[in-house]
Every structure is written in C-alpha cells, then in structure tokens.
C-alpha cells in the first residue's frame, strides 16, 4: 500500500549538533522528540496493508547519511523492523524495511521529508 502523504520531521537543531550528525548520524534517532517518534510509528503502520499480528515498529536506526554542504541538502535512510506477534499460535515475525528521507539544513532548523511505500507481494 502506498502512503499518499509525506512524513515531515522538523527539528530545531543547533549548528554544532548538525555537524555531530555527519560523524554520528544515528544521533538523530535520539534527538527525535517522543511525539515525533509516535507520529512516525503511526505513519508507518498506516502504510502497512496487512495488519495481521498487530504490526509494530521496532529497532529504528539511521544509515546512509549524505550531505552536500554547497546546497545545504542531503539524504538519509531510517531502517526499522515491522514486528508482528501472532498470539493464537505463539509465533513472532519481523521484517526489515526502510524509509528514505531528503533533508535541508535551514540555519538551526532541520527539515526532512519522506514518503513510505510498503512492499508486499500483493502490491
């Protein structure tokens, strides 16, 4: 199922913290406010067509950080697992997925945007 709307992350981010991200990109996960994390989880769950097993989003981490200083823009990828717990059969399953973001660094404000597409065999 394709999620039609984009997800936006807008964070006040001092210049020094932004520079730290180029060395330790996964720091961004820790900087996300709780309400932003919950909104991201809800956004991803809405994009999953099959809700069997009560899917939840776990193990969020960031990789593939790229930044072009001349344009103040870049990209990164959030990896996560879609965890499912099938209580009737005591089975659990997890599927690795990702969400690609484009971002801009707007002088102390970090703005990132992505659109999630859940790949499934019935797409």
PDB file of N, CA and C in Angstrom:
ATOM      1  N   UNK A   1       0.847  -1.172   0.000  1.00  0.00           N
ATOM      2  CA  UNK A   1       0.000   0.000   0.000  1.00  0.00           C
ATOM      3  C   UNK A   1       0.891   1.233   0.000  1.00  0.00           C
ATOM      4  N   UNK A   2       0.593   2.159  -0.807  1.00  0.00           N
ATOM      5  CA  UNK A   2       1.372   3.379  -0.883  1.00  0.00           C
ATOM      6  C   UNK A   2       0.732   4.436   0.011  1.00  0.00           C
ATOM      7  N   UNK A   3       1.522   4.992   0.900  1.00  0.00           N
ATOM      8  CA  UNK A   3       1.038   6.078   1.737  1.00  0.00           C
ATOM      9  C   UNK A   3       1.094   7.352   0.906  1.00  0.00           C
ATOM     10  N   UNK A   4      -0.046   8.002   0.739  1.00  0.00           N
ATOM     11  CA  UNK A   4      -0.141   9.125  -0.191  1.00  0.00           C
ATOM     12  C   UNK A   4       0.493  10.398   0.332  1.00  0.00           C
ATOM     13  N   UNK A   5       0.550  10.566   1.620  1.00  0.00           N
ATOM     14  CA  UNK A   5       1.090  11.808   2.163  1.00  0.00           C
ATOM     15  C   UNK A   5       2.525  11.592   2.633  1.00  0.00           C
ATOM     16  N   UNK A   6       3.256  12.656   2.628  1.00  0.00           N
ATOM     17  CA  UNK A   6       4.649  12.602   3.080  1.00  0.00           C
ATOM     18  C   UNK A   6       4.706  12.749   4.594  1.00  0.00           C
ATOM     19  N   UNK A   7       5.773  12.257   5.167  1.00  0.00           N
ATOM     20  CA  UNK A   7       6.026  12.455   6.593  1.00  0.00           C
ATOM     21  C   UNK A   7       7.152  13.461   6.720  1.00  0.00           C
ATOM     22  N   UNK A   8       6.959  14.445   7.588  1.00  0.00           N
ATOM     23  CA  UNK A   8       7.945  15.508   7.774  1.00  0.00           C
ATOM     24  C   UNK A   8       8.498  15.494   9.186  1.00  0.00           C
ATOM     25  N   UNK A   9       9.798  15.697   9.267  1.00  0.00           N
ATOM     26  CA  UNK A   9      10.469  15.902  10.547  1.00  0.00           C
ATOM     27  C   UNK A   9      11.000  17.329  10.521  1.00  0.00           C
ATOM     28  N   UNK A  10      10.590  18.122  11.481  1.00  0.00           N
ATOM     29  CA  UNK A  10      11.085  19.496  11.592  1.00  0.00           C
ATOM     30  C   UNK A  10      11.615  19.654  13.014  1.00  0.00           C
ATOM     31  N   UNK A  11      12.918  19.885  13.110  1.00  0.00           N
ATOM     32  CA  UNK A  11      13.563  19.986  14.414  1.00  0.00           C
ATOM     33  C   UNK A  11      14.418  21.242  14.510  1.00  0.00           C
ATOM     34  N   UNK A  12      14.336  21.945  15.629  1.00  0.00           N
ATOM     35  CA  UNK A  12      15.340  22.969  15.859  1.00  0.00           C
ATOM     36  C   UNK A  12      16.659  22.232  16.127  1.00  0.00           C
ATOM     37  N   UNK A  13      17.697  22.591  15.405  1.00  0.00           N
ATOM     38  CA  UNK A  13      18.950  21.856  15.509  1.00  0.00           C
ATOM     39  C   UNK A  13      20.133  22.814  15.421  1.00  0.00           C
ATOM     40  N   UNK A  14      20.773  23.098  16.551  1.00  0.00           N
ATOM     41  CA  UNK A  14      21.933  23.992  16.534  1.00  0.00           C
ATOM     42  C   UNK A  14      23.015  23.471  15.586  1.00  0.00           C
ATOM     43  N   UNK A  15      23.780  24.388  15.059  1.00  0.00           N
ATOM     44  CA  UNK A  15      24.795  24.043  14.055  1.00  0.00           C
ATOM     45  C   UNK A  15      25.764  22.968  14.547  1.00  0.00           C
ATOM     46  N   UNK A  16      26.199  23.048  15.787  1.00  0.00           N
ATOM     47  CA  UNK A  16      27.142  22.052  16.307  1.00  0.00           C
ATOM     48  C   UNK A  16      26.526  20.657  16.327  1.00  0.00           C
ATOM     49  N   UNK A  17      25.276  20.559  16.728  1.00  0.00           N
ATOM     50  CA  UNK A  17      24.596  19.269  16.732  1.00  0.00           C
ATOM     51  C   UNK A  17      24.469  18.723  15.310  1.00  0.00           C
ATOM     52  N   UNK A  18      24.183  19.608  14.370  1.00  0.00           N
ATOM     53  CA  UNK A  18      24.089  19.176  12.979  1.00  0.00           C
ATOM     54  C   UNK A  18      25.434  18.617  12.508  1.00  0.00           C
ATOM     55  N   UNK A  19      26.524  19.278  12.859  1.00  0.00           N
ATOM     56  CA  UNK A  19      27.863  18.775  12.485  1.00  0.00           C
ATOM     57  C   UNK A  19      28.118  17.414  13.127  1.00  0.00           C
ATOM     58  N   UNK A  20      27.634  17.220  14.332  1.00  0.00           N
ATOM     59  CA  UNK A  20      27.793  15.926  15.005  1.00  0.00           C
ATOM     60  C   UNK A  20      27.094  14.808  14.239  1.00  0.00           C
ATOM     61  N   UNK A  21      26.006  15.141  13.567  1.00  0.00           N
ATOM     62  CA  UNK A  21      25.279  14.125  12.795  1.00  0.00           C
ATOM     63  C   UNK A  21      26.119  13.550  11.658  1.00  0.00           C
ATOM     64  N   UNK A  22      26.994  14.346  11.078  1.00  0.00           N
ATOM     65  CA  UNK A  22      27.814  13.827   9.983  1.00  0.00           C
ATOM     66  C   UNK A  22      28.803  12.772  10.481  1.00  0.00           C
ATOM     67  N   UNK A  23      29.161  12.838  11.764  1.00  0.00           N
ATOM     68  CA  UNK A  23      30.065  11.857  12.353  1.00  0.00           C
ATOM     69  C   UNK A  23      29.278  10.687  12.958  1.00  0.00           C
ATOM     70  N   UNK A  24      28.136  11.004  13.542  1.00  0.00           N
ATOM     71  CA  UNK A  24      27.311  10.002  14.222  1.00  0.00           C
ATOM     72  C   UNK A  24      25.844  10.191  13.820  1.00  0.00           C
ATOM     73  N   UNK A  25      25.477   9.761  12.602  1.00  0.00           N
ATOM     74  CA  UNK A  25      24.123  10.003  12.104  1.00  0.00           C
ATOM     75  C   UNK A  25      23.010   9.423  12.984  1.00  0.00           C
ATOM     76  N   UNK A  26      23.275   8.294  13.636  1.00  0.00           N
ATOM     77  CA  UNK A  26      22.232   7.663  14.452  1.00  0.00           C
ATOM     78  C   UNK A  26      21.823   8.536  15.638  1.00  0.00           C
ATOM     79  N   UNK A  27      22.578   9.592  15.902  1.00  0.00           N
ATOM     80  CA  UNK A  27      22.223  10.553  16.941  1.00  0.00           C
ATOM     81  C   UNK A  27      20.853  11.181  16.666  1.00  0.00           C
ATOM     82  N   UNK A  28      20.492  11.281  15.393  1.00  0.00           N
ATOM     83  CA  UNK A  28      19.196  11.870  15.035  1.00  0.00           C
ATOM     84  C   UNK A  28      18.038  11.102  15.674  1.00  0.00           C
ATOM     85  N   UNK A  29      18.151   9.787  15.744  1.00  0.00           N
ATOM     86  CA  UNK A  29      17.099   8.965  16.367  1.00  0.00           C
ATOM     87  C   UNK A  29      16.901   9.402  17.820  1.00  0.00           C
ATOM     88  N   UNK A  30      17.991   9.664  18.515  1.00  0.00           N
ATOM     89  CA  UNK A  30      17.909  10.080  19.924  1.00  0.00           C
ATOM     90  C   UNK A  30      17.366  11.500  20.067  1.00  0.00           C
ATOM     91  N   UNK A  31      17.571  12.319  19.044  1.00  0.00           N
ATOM     92  CA  UNK A  31      17.114  13.709  19.101  1.00  0.00           C
ATOM     93  C   UNK A  31      15.632  13.881  18.784  1.00  0.00           C
ATOM     94  N   UNK A  32      15.016  12.847  18.203  1.00  0.00           N
ATOM     95  CA  UNK A  32      13.592  12.954  17.855  1.00  0.00           C
ATOM     96  C   UNK A  32      12.747  13.039  19.122  1.00  0.00           C
ATOM     97  N   UNK A  33      11.915  14.049  19.229  1.00  0.00           N
ATOM     98  CA  UNK A  33      11.001  14.115  20.374  1.00  0.00           C
ATOM     99  C   UNK A  33      10.042  12.918  20.361  1.00  0.00           C
ATOM    100  N   UNK A  34       9.570  12.548  21.523  1.00  0.00           N
ATOM    101  CA  UNK A  34       8.676  11.388  21.647  1.00  0.00           C
ATOM    102  C   UNK A  34       7.455  11.505  20.736  1.00  0.00           C
ATOM    103  N   UNK A  35       6.865  12.700  20.645  1.00  0.00           N
ATOM    104  CA  UNK A  35       5.674  12.856  19.795  1.00  0.00           C
ATOM    105  C   UNK A  35       6.014  12.647  18.318  1.00  0.00           C
ATOM    106  N   UNK A  36       7.227  12.985  17.922  1.00  0.00           N
ATOM    107  CA  UNK A  36       7.658  12.753  16.542  1.00  0.00           C
ATOM    108  C   UNK A  36       7.847  11.254  16.294  1.00  0.00           C
ATOM    109  N   UNK A  37       8.429  10.553  17.249  1.00  0.00           N
ATOM    110  CA  UNK A  37       8.592   9.093  17.116  1.00  0.00           C
ATOM    111  C   UNK A  37       7.238   8.390  17.011  1.00  0.00           C
ATOM    112  N   UNK A  38       6.303   8.806  17.867  1.00  0.00           N
ATOM    113  CA  UNK A  38       4.964   8.205  17.820  1.00  0.00           C
ATOM    114  C   UNK A  38       4.278   8.491  16.491  1.00  0.00           C
ATOM    115  N   UNK A  39       4.411   9.718  16.009  1.00  0.00           N
ATOM    116  CA  UNK A  39       3.816  10.074  14.719  1.00  0.00           C
ATOM    117  C   UNK A  39       4.450   9.271  13.589  1.00  0.00           C
ATOM    118  N   UNK A  40       5.761   9.067  13.652  1.00  0.00           N
ATOM    119  CA  UNK A  40       6.439   8.260  12.635  1.00  0.00           C
ATOM    120  C   UNK A  40       5.961   6.816  12.685  1.00  0.00           C
ATOM    121  N   UNK A  41       5.866   6.254  13.885  1.00  0.00           N
ATOM    122  CA  UNK A  41       5.347   4.880  14.030  1.00  0.00           C
ATOM    123  C   UNK A  41       3.942   4.764  13.451  1.00  0.00           C
ATOM    124  N   UNK A  42       3.066   5.710  13.795  1.00  0.00           N
ATOM    125  CA  UNK A  42       1.694   5.677  13.282  1.00  0.00           C
ATOM    126  C   UNK A  42       1.666   5.805  11.763  1.00  0.00           C
ATOM    127  N   UNK A  43       2.495   6.687  11.229  1.00  0.00           N
ATOM    128  CA  UNK A  43       2.578   6.874   9.785  1.00  0.00           C
ATOM    129  C   UNK A  43       2.993   5.572   9.085  1.00  0.00           C
ATOM    130  N   UNK A  44       4.007   4.897   9.630  1.00  0.00           N
ATOM    131  CA  UNK A  44       4.474   3.645   9.021  1.00  0.00           C
ATOM    132  C   UNK A  44       3.424   2.542   9.129  1.00  0.00           C
ATOM    133  N   UNK A  45       2.794   2.431  10.290  1.00  0.00           N
ATOM    134  CA  UNK A  45       1.756   1.399  10.481  1.00  0.00           C
ATOM    135  C   UNK A  45       0.591   1.640   9.522  1.00  0.00           C
ATOM    136  N   UNK A  46       0.209   2.889   9.312  1.00  0.00           N
ATOM    137  CA  UNK A  46      -0.878   3.188   8.366  1.00  0.00           C
ATOM    138  C   UNK A  46      -0.535   2.728   6.953  1.00  0.00           C
ATOM    139  N   UNK A  47       0.754   2.724   6.616  1.00  0.00           N
ATOM    140  CA  UNK A  47       1.175   2.326   5.282  1.00  0.00           C
ATOM    141  C   UNK A  47       1.200   0.822   5.053  1.00  0.00           C
ATOM    142  N   UNK A  48       1.011   0.050   6.122  1.00  0.00           N
ATOM    143  CA  UNK A  48       1.037  -1.413   6.010  1.00  0.00           C
ATOM    144  C   UNK A  48      -0.381  -1.914   5.776  1.00  0.00           C
ATOM    145  N   UNK A  49      -0.577  -2.586   4.664  1.00  0.00           N
ATOM    146  CA  UNK A  49      -1.910  -3.060   4.298  1.00  0.00           C
ATOM    147  C   UNK A  49      -2.389  -4.182   5.226  1.00  0.00           C
ATOM    148  N   UNK A  50      -1.548  -5.168   5.452  1.00  0.00           N
ATOM    149  CA  UNK A  50      -1.914  -6.332   6.243  1.00  0.00           C
ATOM    150  C   UNK A  50      -1.602  -6.065   7.714  1.00  0.00           C
ATOM    151  N   UNK A  51      -2.642  -5.966   8.518  1.00  0.00           N
ATOM    152  CA  UNK A  51      -2.465  -5.660   9.940  1.00  0.00           C
ATOM    153  C   UNK A  51      -2.438  -6.928  10.806  1.00  0.00           C
ATOM    154  N   UNK A  52      -2.372  -8.111  10.195  1.00  0.00           N
ATOM    155  CA  UNK A  52      -2.306  -9.357  10.962  1.00  0.00           C
ATOM    156  C   UNK A  52      -1.089  -9.344  11.885  1.00  0.00           C
ATOM    157  N   UNK A  53      -1.252  -9.865  13.067  1.00  0.00           N
ATOM    158  CA  UNK A  53      -0.156  -9.923  14.025  1.00  0.00           C
ATOM    159  C   UNK A  53       0.103  -8.617  14.734  1.00  0.00           C
ATOM    160  N   UNK A  54      -0.792  -7.645  14.557  1.00  0.00           N
ATOM    161  CA  UNK A  54      -0.632  -6.356  15.235  1.00  0.00           C
ATOM    162  C   UNK A  54       0.741  -5.741  15.006  1.00  0.00           C
ATOM    163  N   UNK A  55       1.053  -5.348  13.780  1.00  0.00           N
ATOM    164  CA  UNK A  55       2.407  -4.855  13.493  1.00  0.00           C
ATOM    165  C   UNK A  55       2.790  -3.653  14.355  1.00  0.00           C
ATOM    166  N   UNK A  56       4.042  -3.653  14.770  1.00  0.00           N
ATOM    167  CA  UNK A  56       4.607  -2.514  15.495  1.00  0.00           C
ATOM    168  C   UNK A  56       5.989  -2.236  14.914  1.00  0.00           C
ATOM    169  N   UNK A  57       6.447  -1.020  15.092  1.00  0.00           N
ATOM    170  CA  UNK A  57       7.737  -0.602  14.548  1.00  0.00           C
ATOM    171  C   UNK A  57       8.773  -0.655  15.668  1.00  0.00           C
ATOM    172  N   UNK A  58       9.864  -1.380  15.427  1.00  0.00           N
ATOM    173  CA  UNK A  58      10.936  -1.518  16.420  1.00  0.00           C
ATOM    174  C   UNK A  58      12.296  -1.335  15.740  1.00  0.00           C
ATOM    175  N   UNK A  59      13.319  -1.166  16.558  1.00  0.00           N
ATOM    176  CA  UNK A  59      14.718  -1.106  16.097  1.00  0.00           C
ATOM    177  C   UNK A  59      14.975  -0.028  15.050  1.00  0.00           C
ATOM    178  N   UNK A  60      14.507   1.173  15.298  1.00  0.00           N
ATOM    179  CA  UNK A  60      14.735   2.281  14.382  1.00  0.00           C
ATOM    180  C   UNK A  60      16.193   2.724  14.452  1.00  0.00           C
ATOM    181  N   UNK A  61      16.864   2.761  13.312  1.00  0.00           N
ATOM    182  CA  UNK A  61      18.225   3.290  13.265  1.00  0.00           C
ATOM    183  C   UNK A  61      18.486   3.935  11.916  1.00  0.00           C
ATOM    184  N   UNK A  62      19.465   4.790  11.887  1.00  0.00           N
ATOM    185  CA  UNK A  62      19.735   5.620  10.715  1.00  0.00           C
ATOM    186  C   UNK A  62      21.056   5.220  10.068  1.00  0.00           C
ATOM    187  N   UNK A  63      21.054   5.162   8.728  1.00  0.00           N
ATOM    188  CA  UNK A  63      22.258   4.869   7.950  1.00  0.00           C
ATOM    189  C   UNK A  63      22.216   5.686   6.667  1.00  0.00           C
ATOM    190  N   UNK A  64      23.263   5.572   5.898  1.00  0.00           N
ATOM    191  CA  UNK A  64      23.359   6.192   4.564  1.00  0.00           C
ATOM    192  C   UNK A  64      23.200   7.712   4.600  1.00  0.00           C
ATOM    193  N   UNK A  65      23.823   8.344   5.572  1.00  0.00           N
ATOM    194  CA  UNK A  65      23.781   9.804   5.703  1.00  0.00           C
ATOM    195  C   UNK A  65      24.658  10.421   4.618  1.00  0.00           C
ATOM    196  N   UNK A  66      24.084  11.292   3.820  1.00  0.00           N
ATOM    197  CA  UNK A  66      24.831  12.037   2.814  1.00  0.00           C
ATOM    198  C   UNK A  66      24.400  13.489   2.880  1.00  0.00           C
ATOM    199  N   UNK A  67      25.393  14.390   2.841  1.00  0.00           N
ATOM    200  CA  UNK A  67      25.094  15.812   2.950  1.00  0.00           C
ATOM    201  C   UNK A  67      25.965  16.590   1.967  1.00  0.00           C
ATOM    202  N   UNK A  68      25.328  17.475   1.219  1.00  0.00           N
ATOM    203  CA  UNK A  68      26.023  18.349   0.280  1.00  0.00           C
ATOM    204  C   UNK A  68      26.077  19.748   0.888  1.00  0.00           C
ATOM    205  N   UNK A  69      27.243  20.124   1.341  1.00  0.00           N
ATOM    206  CA  UNK A  69      27.380  21.400   2.036  1.00  0.00           C
ATOM    207  C   UNK A  69      27.031  22.592   1.146  1.00  0.00           C
ATOM    208  N   UNK A  70      27.335  22.511  -0.146  1.00  0.00           N
ATOM    209  CA  UNK A  70      27.070  23.641  -1.043  1.00  0.00           C
ATOM    210  C   UNK A  70      25.580  23.908  -1.242  1.00  0.00           C
ATOM    211  N   UNK A  71      24.738  22.872  -1.131  1.00  0.00           N
ATOM    212  CA  UNK A  71      23.292  23.056  -1.307  1.00  0.00           C
ATOM    213  C   UNK A  71      22.533  23.008   0.021  1.00  0.00           C
ATOM    214  N   UNK A  72      23.238  22.683   1.101  1.00  0.00           N
ATOM    215  CA  UNK A  72      22.618  22.527   2.431  1.00  0.00           C
ATOM    216  C   UNK A  72      21.488  21.494   2.392  1.00  0.00           C
ATOM    217  N   UNK A  73      21.702  20.439   1.614  1.00  0.00           N
ATOM    218  CA  UNK A  73      20.681  19.396   1.470  1.00  0.00           C
ATOM    219  C   UNK A  73      21.359  18.024   1.493  1.00  0.00           C
ATOM    220  N   UNK A  74      20.552  17.016   1.784  1.00  0.00           N
ATOM    221  CA  UNK A  74      21.094  15.666   1.813  1.00  0.00           C
ATOM    222  C   UNK A  74      20.011  14.616   1.913  1.00  0.00           C
ATOM    223  N   UNK A  75      20.452  13.395   2.178  1.00  0.00           N
ATOM    224  CA  UNK A  75      19.541  12.260   2.302  1.00  0.00           C
ATOM    225  C   UNK A  75      20.014  11.349   3.430  1.00  0.00           C
ATOM    226  N   UNK A  76      19.106  10.575   3.943  1.00  0.00           N
ATOM    227  CA  UNK A  76      19.445   9.509   4.881  1.00  0.00           C
ATOM    228  C   UNK A  76      18.353   8.454   4.823  1.00  0.00           C
ATOM    229  N   UNK A  77      18.641   7.309   5.412  1.00  0.00           N
ATOM    230  CA  UNK A  77      17.685   6.200   5.419  1.00  0.00           C
ATOM    231  C   UNK A  77      17.466   5.730   6.851  1.00  0.00           C
ATOM    232  N   UNK A  78      16.184   5.685   7.252  1.00  0.00           N
ATOM    233  CA  UNK A  78      15.811   5.071   8.522  1.00  0.00           C
ATOM    234  C   UNK A  78      15.496   3.608   8.251  1.00  0.00           C
ATOM    235  N   UNK A  79      16.211   2.721   8.929  1.00  0.00           N
ATOM    236  CA  UNK A  79      15.885   1.297   8.897  1.00  0.00           C
ATOM    237  C   UNK A  79      15.051   0.983  10.125  1.00  0.00           C
ATOM    238  N   UNK A  80      14.150   0.023   9.984  1.00  0.00           N
ATOM    239  CA  UNK A  80      13.323  -0.395  11.111  1.00  0.00           C
ATOM    240  C   UNK A  80      12.803  -1.797  10.836  1.00  0.00           C
ATOM    241  N   UNK A  81      12.282  -2.415  11.868  1.00  0.00           N
ATOM    242  CA  UNK A  81      11.648  -3.734  11.725  1.00  0.00           C
ATOM    243  C   UNK A  81      10.155  -3.597  11.977  1.00  0.00           C
ATOM    244  N   UNK A  82       9.407  -4.274  11.140  1.00  0.00           N
ATOM    245  CA  UNK A  82       7.968  -4.401  11.357  1.00  0.00           C
ATOM    246  C   UNK A  82       7.799  -5.704  12.130  1.00  0.00           C
ATOM    247  N   UNK A  83       7.504  -5.583  13.412  1.00  0.00           N
ATOM    248  CA  UNK A  83       7.381  -6.746  14.288  1.00  0.00           C
ATOM    249  C   UNK A  83       5.912  -7.151  14.383  1.00  0.00           C
ATOM    250  N   UNK A  84       5.680  -8.453  14.291  1.00  0.00           N
ATOM    251  CA  UNK A  84       4.312  -8.985  14.412  1.00  0.00           C
ATOM    252  C   UNK A  84       4.310 -10.098  15.456  1.00  0.00           C
ATOM    253  N   UNK A  85       3.263 -10.122  16.258  1.00  0.00           N
ATOM    254  CA  UNK A  85       3.111 -11.126  17.300  1.00  0.00           C
ATOM    255  C   UNK A  85       1.766 -11.816  17.099  1.00  0.00           C
ATOM    256  N   UNK A  86       1.820 -13.047  16.633  1.00  0.00           N
ATOM    257  CA  UNK A  86       0.598 -13.817  16.386  1.00  0.00           C
ATOM    258  C   UNK A  86       0.276 -14.602  17.647  1.00  0.00           C
ATOM    259  N   UNK A  87      -0.596 -14.071  18.491  1.00  0.00           N
ATOM    260  CA  UNK A  87      -0.851 -14.648  19.807  1.00  0.00           C
ATOM    261  C   UNK A  87      -1.540 -16.008  19.755  1.00  0.00           C
ATOM    262  N   UNK A  88      -2.367 -16.247  18.765  1.00  0.00           N
ATOM    263  CA  UNK A  88      -3.082 -17.525  18.689  1.00  0.00           C
ATOM    264  C   UNK A  88      -2.129 -18.700  18.495  1.00  0.00           C
ATOM    265  N   UNK A  89      -1.043 -18.477  17.774  1.00  0.00           N
ATOM    266  CA  UNK A  89      -0.118 -19.571  17.502  1.00  0.00           C
ATOM    267  C   UNK A  89       1.227 -19.380  18.203  1.00  0.00           C
ATOM    268  N   UNK A  90       1.337 -18.366  19.051  1.00  0.00           N
ATOM    269  CA  UNK A  90       2.573 -18.077  19.785  1.00  0.00           C
ATOM    270  C   UNK A  90       3.763 -17.874  18.843  1.00  0.00           C
ATOM    271  N   UNK A  91       3.516 -17.324  17.682  1.00  0.00           N
ATOM    272  CA  UNK A  91       4.579 -17.038  16.723  1.00  0.00           C
ATOM    273  C   UNK A  91       4.877 -15.548  16.686  1.00  0.00           C
ATOM    274  N   UNK A  92       6.119 -15.235  16.387  1.00  0.00           N
ATOM    275  CA  UNK A  92       6.516 -13.858  16.168  1.00  0.00           C
ATOM    276  C   UNK A  92       7.245 -13.781  14.834  1.00  0.00           C
ATOM    277  N   UNK A  93       7.159 -12.629  14.203  1.00  0.00           N
ATOM    278  CA  UNK A  93       7.858 -12.420  12.940  1.00  0.00           C
ATOM    279  C   UNK A  93       8.313 -10.976  12.875  1.00  0.00           C
ATOM    280  N   UNK A  94       9.387 -10.745  12.134  1.00  0.00           N
ATOM    281  CA  UNK A  94       9.872  -9.379  11.937  1.00  0.00           C
ATOM    282  C   UNK A  94      10.394  -9.255  10.516  1.00  0.00           C
ATOM    283  N   UNK A  95      10.148  -8.124   9.946  1.00  0.00           N
ATOM    284  CA  UNK A  95      10.568  -7.847   8.574  1.00  0.00           C
ATOM    285  C   UNK A  95      11.320  -6.529   8.556  1.00  0.00           C
ATOM    286  N   UNK A  96      12.514  -6.526   7.978  1.00  0.00           N
ATOM    287  CA  UNK A  96      13.307  -5.310   7.877  1.00  0.00           C
ATOM    288  C   UNK A  96      12.761  -4.441   6.749  1.00  0.00           C
ATOM    289  N   UNK A  97      12.663  -3.155   6.995  1.00  0.00           N
ATOM    290  CA  UNK A  97      12.189  -2.213   5.983  1.00  0.00           C
ATOM    291  C   UNK A  97      12.931  -0.898   6.183  1.00  0.00           C
ATOM    292  N   UNK A  98      12.683   0.054   5.330  1.00  0.00           N
ATOM    293  CA  UNK A  98      13.369   1.334   5.426  1.00  0.00           C
ATOM    294  C   UNK A  98      12.514   2.455   4.877  1.00  0.00           C
ATOM    295  N   UNK A  99      12.922   3.673   5.201  1.00  0.00           N
ATOM    296  CA  UNK A  99      12.255   4.888   4.758  1.00  0.00           C
ATOM    297  C   UNK A  99      13.338   5.895   4.377  1.00  0.00           C
ATOM    298  N   UNK A 100      13.345   6.323   3.113  1.00  0.00           N
ATOM    299  CA  UNK A 100      14.345   7.277   2.628  1.00  0.00           C
ATOM    300  C   UNK A 100      13.858   8.706   2.807  1.00  0.00           C
ATOM    301  N   UNK A 101      14.692   9.522   3.424  1.00  0.00           N
ATOM    302  CA  UNK A 101      14.390  10.930   3.661  1.00  0.00           C
ATOM    303  C   UNK A 101      15.307  11.821   2.830  1.00  0.00           C
ATOM    304  N   UNK A 102      14.771  12.945   2.406  1.00  0.00           N
ATOM    305  CA  UNK A 102      15.552  14.061   1.874  1.00  0.00           C
ATOM    306  C   UNK A 102      15.462  15.154   2.918  1.00  0.00           C
ATOM    307  N   UNK A 103      16.560  15.877   3.116  1.00  0.00           N
ATOM    308  CA  UNK A 103      16.517  16.912   4.143  1.00  0.00           C
ATOM    309  C   UNK A 103      17.247  18.171   3.699  1.00  0.00           C
ATOM    310  N   UNK A 104      16.922  19.245   4.398  1.00  0.00           N
ATOM    311  CA  UNK A 104      17.629  20.515   4.229  1.00  0.00           C
ATOM    312  C   UNK A 104      18.012  21.026   5.608  1.00  0.00           C
ATOM    313  N   UNK A 105      19.107  21.715   5.638  1.00  0.00           N
ATOM    314  CA  UNK A 105      19.603  22.345   6.858  1.00  0.00           C
ATOM    315  C   UNK A 105      19.361  23.839   6.698  1.00  0.00           C
ATOM    316  N   UNK A 106      18.350  24.336   7.374  1.00  0.00           N
ATOM    317  CA  UNK A 106      17.945  25.731   7.216  1.00  0.00           C
ATOM    318  C   UNK A 106      18.354  26.567   8.418  1.00  0.00           C
ATOM    319  N   UNK A 107      19.638  26.747   8.603  1.00  0.00           N
ATOM    320  CA  UNK A 107      20.139  27.586   9.692  1.00  0.00           C
ATOM    321  C   UNK A 107      19.430  27.322  11.016  1.00  0.00           C
ATOM    322  N   UNK A 108      19.899  26.331  11.695  1.00  0.00           N
ATOM    323  CA  UNK A 108      19.378  25.977  13.015  1.00  0.00           C
ATOM    324  C   UNK A 108      18.034  25.253  12.967  1.00  0.00           C
ATOM    325  N   UNK A 109      17.546  24.938  11.771  1.00  0.00           N
ATOM    326  CA  UNK A 109      16.324  24.139  11.653  1.00  0.00           C
ATOM    327  C   UNK A 109      16.566  23.025  10.645  1.00  0.00           C
ATOM    328  N   UNK A 110      16.240  21.822  11.059  1.00  0.00           N
ATOM    329  CA  UNK A 110      16.422  20.624  10.247  1.00  0.00           C
ATOM    330  C   UNK A 110      15.052  20.188   9.739  1.00  0.00           C
ATOM    331  N   UNK A 111      14.905  20.069   8.414  1.00  0.00           N
ATOM    332  CA  UNK A 111      13.626  19.682   7.805  1.00  0.00           C
ATOM    333  C   UNK A 111      13.866  18.473   6.912  1.00  0.00           C
ATOM    334  N   UNK A 112      13.206  17.358   7.232  1.00  0.00           N
ATOM    335  CA  UNK A 112      13.356  16.124   6.457  1.00  0.00           C
ATOM    336  C   UNK A 112      11.979  15.623   6.029  1.00  0.00           C
ATOM    337  N   UNK A 113      11.901  15.067   4.808  1.00  0.00           N
ATOM    338  CA  UNK A 113      10.631  14.608   4.248  1.00  0.00           C
ATOM    339  C   UNK A 113      10.818  13.243   3.594  1.00  0.00           C
ATOM    340  N   UNK A 114       9.818  12.376   3.772  1.00  0.00           N
ATOM    341  CA  UNK A 114       9.835  11.047   3.146  1.00  0.00           C
ATOM    342  C   UNK A 114       8.413  10.595   2.864  1.00  0.00           C
ATOM    343  N   UNK A 115       8.293   9.700   1.917  1.00  0.00           N
ATOM    344  CA  UNK A 115       7.020   9.039   1.632  1.00  0.00           C
ATOM    345  C   UNK A 115       7.260   7.538   1.693  1.00  0.00           C
ATOM    346  N   UNK A 116       6.443   6.839   2.472  1.00  0.00           N
ATOM    347  CA  UNK A 116       6.626   5.410   2.701  1.00  0.00           C
ATOM    348  C   UNK A 116       5.828   4.587   1.700  1.00  0.00           C
ATOM    349  N   UNK A 117       6.489   3.586   1.160  1.00  0.00           N
ATOM    350  CA  UNK A 117       5.825   2.613   0.309  1.00  0.00           C
ATOM    351  C   UNK A 117       6.124   1.244   0.888  1.00  0.00           C
ATOM    352  N   UNK A 118       5.099   0.541   1.322  1.00  0.00           N
ATOM    353  CA  UNK A 118       5.261  -0.795   1.891  1.00  0.00           C
ATOM    354  C   UNK A 118       5.238  -1.822   0.771  1.00  0.00           C
ATOM    355  N   UNK A 119       6.344  -2.498   0.594  1.00  0.00           N
ATOM    356  CA  UNK A 119       6.438  -3.523  -0.453  1.00  0.00           C
ATOM    357  C   UNK A 119       5.890  -4.833   0.070  1.00  0.00           C
ATOM    358  N   UNK A 120       4.954  -5.378  -0.676  1.00  0.00           N
ATOM    359  CA  UNK A 120       4.383  -6.665  -0.334  1.00  0.00           C
ATOM    360  C   UNK A 120       4.125  -7.402  -1.636  1.00  0.00           C
ATOM    361  N   UNK A 121       4.040  -8.706  -1.572  1.00  0.00           N
ATOM    362  CA  UNK A 121       3.860  -9.494  -2.792  1.00  0.00           C
ATOM    363  C   UNK A 121       2.546  -9.203  -3.497  1.00  0.00           C
ATOM    364  N   UNK A 122       1.576  -8.637  -2.790  1.00  0.00           N
ATOM    365  CA  UNK A 122       0.297  -8.347  -3.426  1.00  0.00           C
ATOM    366  C   UNK A 122       0.204  -6.910  -3.945  1.00  0.00           C
ATOM    367  N   UNK A 123       1.302  -6.132  -3.938  1.00  0.00           N
ATOM    368  CA  UNK A 123       1.284  -4.756  -4.450  1.00  0.00           C
ATOM    369  C   UNK A 123       1.137  -4.743  -5.953  1.00  0.00           C
TER     370      UNK A 123
END
